[in-house]
Each structure stands twice: as structure tokens, then as C-alpha cells.
Amino acid sequence: MLNASQEVLQAIEYEKRQAAKKDEILILKGMLSQLVQLESWYGALTGFKAENGLNGKVTEQGERYDLQIRGLSIDQLVKITGYLKQL
């Protein structure tokens, strides 16, 4: 009986973490949608398309995120690299 109680508590904690993660993702998508148009992208948290024609995707890697940007010109690539250096 003691193990069953522990398992129930663990399941409740797991559900709480899952709900918090879902809320975090909804908030993140809300913030991103203020900046770019979000699109479905297979295997990604979300895809995006910017007004300037750039597009890409955001994926989750554990507690971190990856960002892939497509369609950069040389000038845009240099500017983004400079921004990353300052980040």
C-alpha cells in the first residue's frame, strides 16, 4: 500500500510538471507570435515565417531550445552572428 501511495504522488507531480511545461510552451508561442507568423512544422515545437521572408523552426532539446533560420543573406547572417555574440 505504501508503494501505491508513493506512485500516486509521483504521478500527481508528473502531471503538474507536464501542465507547467504545456503552459510554458503556450506562453512562448504567444510571445513568438507577436514577432513572426507561426506555422506548423513537422517534428518541431513550431515553425515561423518573418515578414522579411526568412523562415525556420524552433525545436526542444530537453530544457533548451534550438532555432533554425533559413533564407539568410550574407548581410543577415553577419548581423545575426553579431547579435549572438552580444547575447
N, C-alpha and C. Protein backbone atom coordinates (compact mmCIF):
# COMPACT_ATOMS: atom_id res chain seq x y z
N MET A 1 0.82 -1.20 0.00
CA MET A 1 0.00 0.00 0.00
C MET A 1 0.86 1.27 0.00
N LEU A 2 1.99 1.20 0.70
CA LEU A 2 2.88 2.35 0.76
C LEU A 2 3.43 2.69 -0.62
N ASN A 3 3.80 1.67 -1.38
CA ASN A 3 4.31 1.90 -2.73
C ASN A 3 3.24 2.50 -3.63
N ALA A 4 2.01 2.07 -3.47
CA ALA A 4 0.92 2.61 -4.27
C ALA A 4 0.72 4.09 -3.98
N SER A 5 0.81 4.47 -2.71
CA SER A 5 0.68 5.89 -2.34
C SER A 5 1.81 6.71 -2.95
N GLN A 6 3.02 6.17 -2.91
CA GLN A 6 4.16 6.87 -3.50
C GLN A 6 3.98 7.02 -5.00
N GLU A 7 3.51 5.98 -5.64
CA GLU A 7 3.30 6.03 -7.08
C GLU A 7 2.23 7.04 -7.46
N VAL A 8 1.19 7.14 -6.65
CA VAL A 8 0.14 8.13 -6.90
C VAL A 8 0.71 9.53 -6.75
N LEU A 9 1.50 9.76 -5.70
CA LEU A 9 2.12 11.08 -5.50
C LEU A 9 3.06 11.42 -6.65
N GLN A 10 3.82 10.44 -7.11
CA GLN A 10 4.73 10.67 -8.24
C GLN A 10 3.94 10.99 -9.50
N ALA A 11 2.84 10.31 -9.70
CA ALA A 11 2.00 10.57 -10.87
C ALA A 11 1.41 11.97 -10.82
N ILE A 12 1.00 12.39 -9.64
CA ILE A 12 0.45 13.74 -9.47
C ILE A 12 1.51 14.79 -9.78
N GLU A 13 2.73 14.58 -9.26
CA GLU A 13 3.83 15.52 -9.52
C GLU A 13 4.17 15.56 -11.01
N TYR A 14 4.16 14.40 -11.65
CA TYR A 14 4.44 14.33 -13.08
C TYR A 14 3.40 15.12 -13.86
N GLU A 15 2.14 14.96 -13.50
CA GLU A 15 1.05 15.69 -14.17
C GLU A 15 1.21 17.20 -13.98
N LYS A 16 1.63 17.62 -12.79
CA LYS A 16 1.85 19.05 -12.52
C LYS A 16 2.97 19.59 -13.40
N ARG A 17 4.06 18.82 -13.51
CA ARG A 17 5.19 19.26 -14.35
C ARG A 17 4.78 19.34 -15.82
N GLN A 18 3.99 18.36 -16.26
CA GLN A 18 3.52 18.36 -17.65
C GLN A 18 2.63 19.57 -17.92
N ALA A 19 1.75 19.90 -16.98
CA ALA A 19 0.86 21.05 -17.14
C ALA A 19 1.67 22.34 -17.17
N ALA A 20 2.69 22.44 -16.30
CA ALA A 20 3.53 23.63 -16.27
C ALA A 20 4.30 23.77 -17.58
N LYS A 21 4.80 22.66 -18.12
CA LYS A 21 5.53 22.70 -19.39
C LYS A 21 4.60 23.12 -20.53
N LYS A 22 3.38 22.61 -20.52
CA LYS A 22 2.41 22.98 -21.55
C LYS A 22 2.11 24.48 -21.49
N ASP A 23 1.95 25.01 -20.27
CA ASP A 23 1.72 26.45 -20.11
C ASP A 23 2.92 27.25 -20.61
N GLU A 24 4.14 26.78 -20.29
CA GLU A 24 5.35 27.46 -20.73
C GLU A 24 5.40 27.54 -22.25
N ILE A 25 5.06 26.46 -22.91
CA ILE A 25 5.09 26.42 -24.38
C ILE A 25 4.04 27.35 -24.96
N LEU A 26 2.86 27.38 -24.36
CA LEU A 26 1.81 28.30 -24.84
C LEU A 26 2.25 29.75 -24.70
N ILE A 27 2.89 30.08 -23.58
CA ILE A 27 3.39 31.44 -23.37
C ILE A 27 4.48 31.76 -24.39
N LEU A 28 5.41 30.82 -24.59
CA LEU A 28 6.48 31.02 -25.57
C LEU A 28 5.91 31.26 -26.96
N LYS A 29 4.97 30.43 -27.37
CA LYS A 29 4.36 30.60 -28.70
C LYS A 29 3.63 31.93 -28.79
N GLY A 30 3.00 32.36 -27.71
CA GLY A 30 2.33 33.66 -27.70
C GLY A 30 3.32 34.80 -27.91
N MET A 31 4.47 34.72 -27.23
CA MET A 31 5.49 35.76 -27.40
C MET A 31 6.06 35.75 -28.81
N LEU A 32 6.34 34.56 -29.33
CA LEU A 32 6.89 34.46 -30.69
C LEU A 32 5.90 34.96 -31.73
N SER A 33 4.62 34.69 -31.49
CA SER A 33 3.60 35.10 -32.47
C SER A 33 3.45 36.61 -32.55
N GLN A 34 3.94 37.33 -31.54
CA GLN A 34 3.94 38.79 -31.59
C GLN A 34 5.02 39.31 -32.55
N LEU A 35 5.99 38.45 -32.86
CA LEU A 35 7.13 38.85 -33.68
C LEU A 35 7.11 38.28 -35.10
N VAL A 36 6.64 37.05 -35.23
CA VAL A 36 6.62 36.36 -36.52
C VAL A 36 5.33 35.57 -36.66
N GLN A 37 5.04 35.15 -37.88
CA GLN A 37 3.87 34.30 -38.11
C GLN A 37 4.29 32.86 -37.81
N LEU A 38 3.55 32.20 -36.92
CA LEU A 38 3.86 30.82 -36.58
C LEU A 38 3.17 29.87 -37.56
N GLU A 39 3.87 28.79 -37.87
CA GLU A 39 3.36 27.80 -38.81
C GLU A 39 3.66 26.41 -38.26
N SER A 40 2.86 25.45 -38.66
CA SER A 40 3.14 24.06 -38.29
C SER A 40 4.41 23.61 -39.00
N TRP A 41 5.22 22.87 -38.30
CA TRP A 41 6.45 22.33 -38.88
C TRP A 41 6.64 20.95 -38.27
N TYR A 42 6.65 19.94 -39.10
CA TYR A 42 6.75 18.56 -38.63
C TYR A 42 8.00 18.37 -37.78
N GLY A 43 7.84 17.78 -36.61
CA GLY A 43 8.97 17.47 -35.75
C GLY A 43 9.52 18.66 -34.99
N ALA A 44 8.81 19.78 -34.98
CA ALA A 44 9.29 20.98 -34.31
C ALA A 44 8.22 21.50 -33.35
N LEU A 45 8.67 22.28 -32.39
CA LEU A 45 7.74 22.95 -31.49
C LEU A 45 6.85 23.88 -32.31
N THR A 46 7.48 24.62 -33.21
CA THR A 46 6.74 25.48 -34.14
C THR A 46 7.66 25.88 -35.29
N GLY A 47 7.04 26.21 -36.38
CA GLY A 47 7.75 26.83 -37.48
C GLY A 47 7.41 28.31 -37.46
N PHE A 48 8.15 29.10 -38.21
CA PHE A 48 7.85 30.53 -38.27
C PHE A 48 8.19 31.09 -39.63
N LYS A 49 7.56 32.20 -39.95
CA LYS A 49 7.86 32.94 -41.17
C LYS A 49 7.83 34.42 -40.80
N ALA A 50 8.91 35.11 -41.11
CA ALA A 50 9.02 36.53 -40.81
C ALA A 50 8.58 37.35 -42.02
N GLU A 51 8.23 38.59 -41.78
CA GLU A 51 7.78 39.49 -42.86
C GLU A 51 8.85 39.69 -43.93
N ASN A 52 10.13 39.55 -43.53
CA ASN A 52 11.22 39.76 -44.48
C ASN A 52 11.53 38.52 -45.32
N GLY A 53 10.71 37.47 -45.19
CA GLY A 53 10.88 36.28 -45.99
C GLY A 53 11.67 35.16 -45.33
N LEU A 54 12.32 35.45 -44.22
CA LEU A 54 13.05 34.40 -43.51
C LEU A 54 12.05 33.44 -42.88
N ASN A 55 12.45 32.18 -42.80
CA ASN A 55 11.60 31.20 -42.13
C ASN A 55 12.49 30.21 -41.40
N GLY A 56 11.87 29.38 -40.60
CA GLY A 56 12.65 28.40 -39.86
C GLY A 56 11.78 27.66 -38.87
N LYS A 57 12.46 27.09 -37.88
CA LYS A 57 11.74 26.31 -36.88
C LYS A 57 12.41 26.42 -35.52
N VAL A 58 11.61 26.12 -34.50
CA VAL A 58 12.09 26.05 -33.13
C VAL A 58 11.83 24.63 -32.65
N THR A 59 12.88 23.99 -32.11
CA THR A 59 12.74 22.65 -31.57
C THR A 59 13.17 22.64 -30.11
N GLU A 60 12.69 21.66 -29.37
CA GLU A 60 13.06 21.49 -27.97
C GLU A 60 14.17 20.46 -27.86
N GLN A 61 15.13 20.75 -27.01
CA GLN A 61 16.20 19.80 -26.68
C GLN A 61 16.29 19.75 -25.16
N GLY A 62 15.44 18.96 -24.55
CA GLY A 62 15.40 18.91 -23.09
C GLY A 62 14.84 20.21 -22.55
N GLU A 63 15.63 20.89 -21.74
CA GLU A 63 15.21 22.16 -21.16
C GLU A 63 15.64 23.36 -22.01
N ARG A 64 16.25 23.10 -23.15
CA ARG A 64 16.75 24.14 -24.05
C ARG A 64 16.00 24.11 -25.36
N TYR A 65 16.23 25.13 -26.15
CA TYR A 65 15.58 25.24 -27.46
C TYR A 65 16.62 25.44 -28.54
N ASP A 66 16.33 24.93 -29.72
CA ASP A 66 17.17 25.16 -30.90
C ASP A 66 16.38 26.02 -31.88
N LEU A 67 17.10 26.88 -32.57
CA LEU A 67 16.49 27.77 -33.56
C LEU A 67 17.20 27.56 -34.89
N GLN A 68 16.44 27.25 -35.92
CA GLN A 68 16.98 27.11 -37.27
C GLN A 68 16.36 28.20 -38.12
N ILE A 69 17.21 28.96 -38.81
CA ILE A 69 16.74 30.05 -39.67
C ILE A 69 17.18 29.74 -41.09
N ARG A 70 16.24 29.87 -42.01
CA ARG A 70 16.53 29.60 -43.43
C ARG A 70 16.37 30.88 -44.24
N GLY A 71 17.14 30.96 -45.30
CA GLY A 71 16.98 32.06 -46.25
C GLY A 71 17.78 33.30 -45.93
N LEU A 72 18.81 33.18 -45.10
CA LEU A 72 19.62 34.35 -44.73
C LEU A 72 20.53 34.79 -45.87
N SER A 73 20.60 36.09 -46.06
CA SER A 73 21.61 36.65 -46.96
C SER A 73 22.92 36.73 -46.16
N ILE A 74 24.01 37.04 -46.84
CA ILE A 74 25.29 37.19 -46.15
C ILE A 74 25.20 38.29 -45.10
N ASP A 75 24.59 39.40 -45.46
CA ASP A 75 24.45 40.53 -44.54
C ASP A 75 23.64 40.13 -43.30
N GLN A 76 22.53 39.43 -43.52
CA GLN A 76 21.70 38.99 -42.40
C GLN A 76 22.44 37.99 -41.52
N LEU A 77 23.19 37.10 -42.13
CA LEU A 77 23.97 36.12 -41.38
C LEU A 77 25.00 36.81 -40.48
N VAL A 78 25.69 37.80 -41.02
CA VAL A 78 26.69 38.53 -40.24
C VAL A 78 26.01 39.30 -39.10
N LYS A 79 24.87 39.93 -39.37
CA LYS A 79 24.16 40.67 -38.32
C LYS A 79 23.68 39.75 -37.20
N ILE A 80 23.13 38.60 -37.57
CA ILE A 80 22.66 37.66 -36.55
C ILE A 80 23.83 37.10 -35.75
N THR A 81 24.93 36.82 -36.41
CA THR A 81 26.11 36.33 -35.70
C THR A 81 26.61 37.38 -34.72
N GLY A 82 26.60 38.64 -35.13
CA GLY A 82 26.98 39.72 -34.22
C GLY A 82 26.04 39.81 -33.03
N TYR A 83 24.76 39.64 -33.28
CA TYR A 83 23.79 39.67 -32.18
C TYR A 83 24.03 38.50 -31.22
N LEU A 84 24.31 37.32 -31.76
CA LEU A 84 24.57 36.15 -30.92
C LEU A 84 25.79 36.37 -30.04
N LYS A 85 26.79 37.05 -30.58
CA LYS A 85 27.99 37.33 -29.80
C LYS A 85 27.66 38.21 -28.60
N GLN A 86 26.70 39.11 -28.75
CA GLN A 86 26.32 40.03 -27.68
C GLN A 86 25.35 39.42 -26.69
N LEU A 87 24.70 38.33 -27.07
CA LEU A 87 23.65 37.71 -26.26
C LEU A 87 24.16 37.15 -24.96
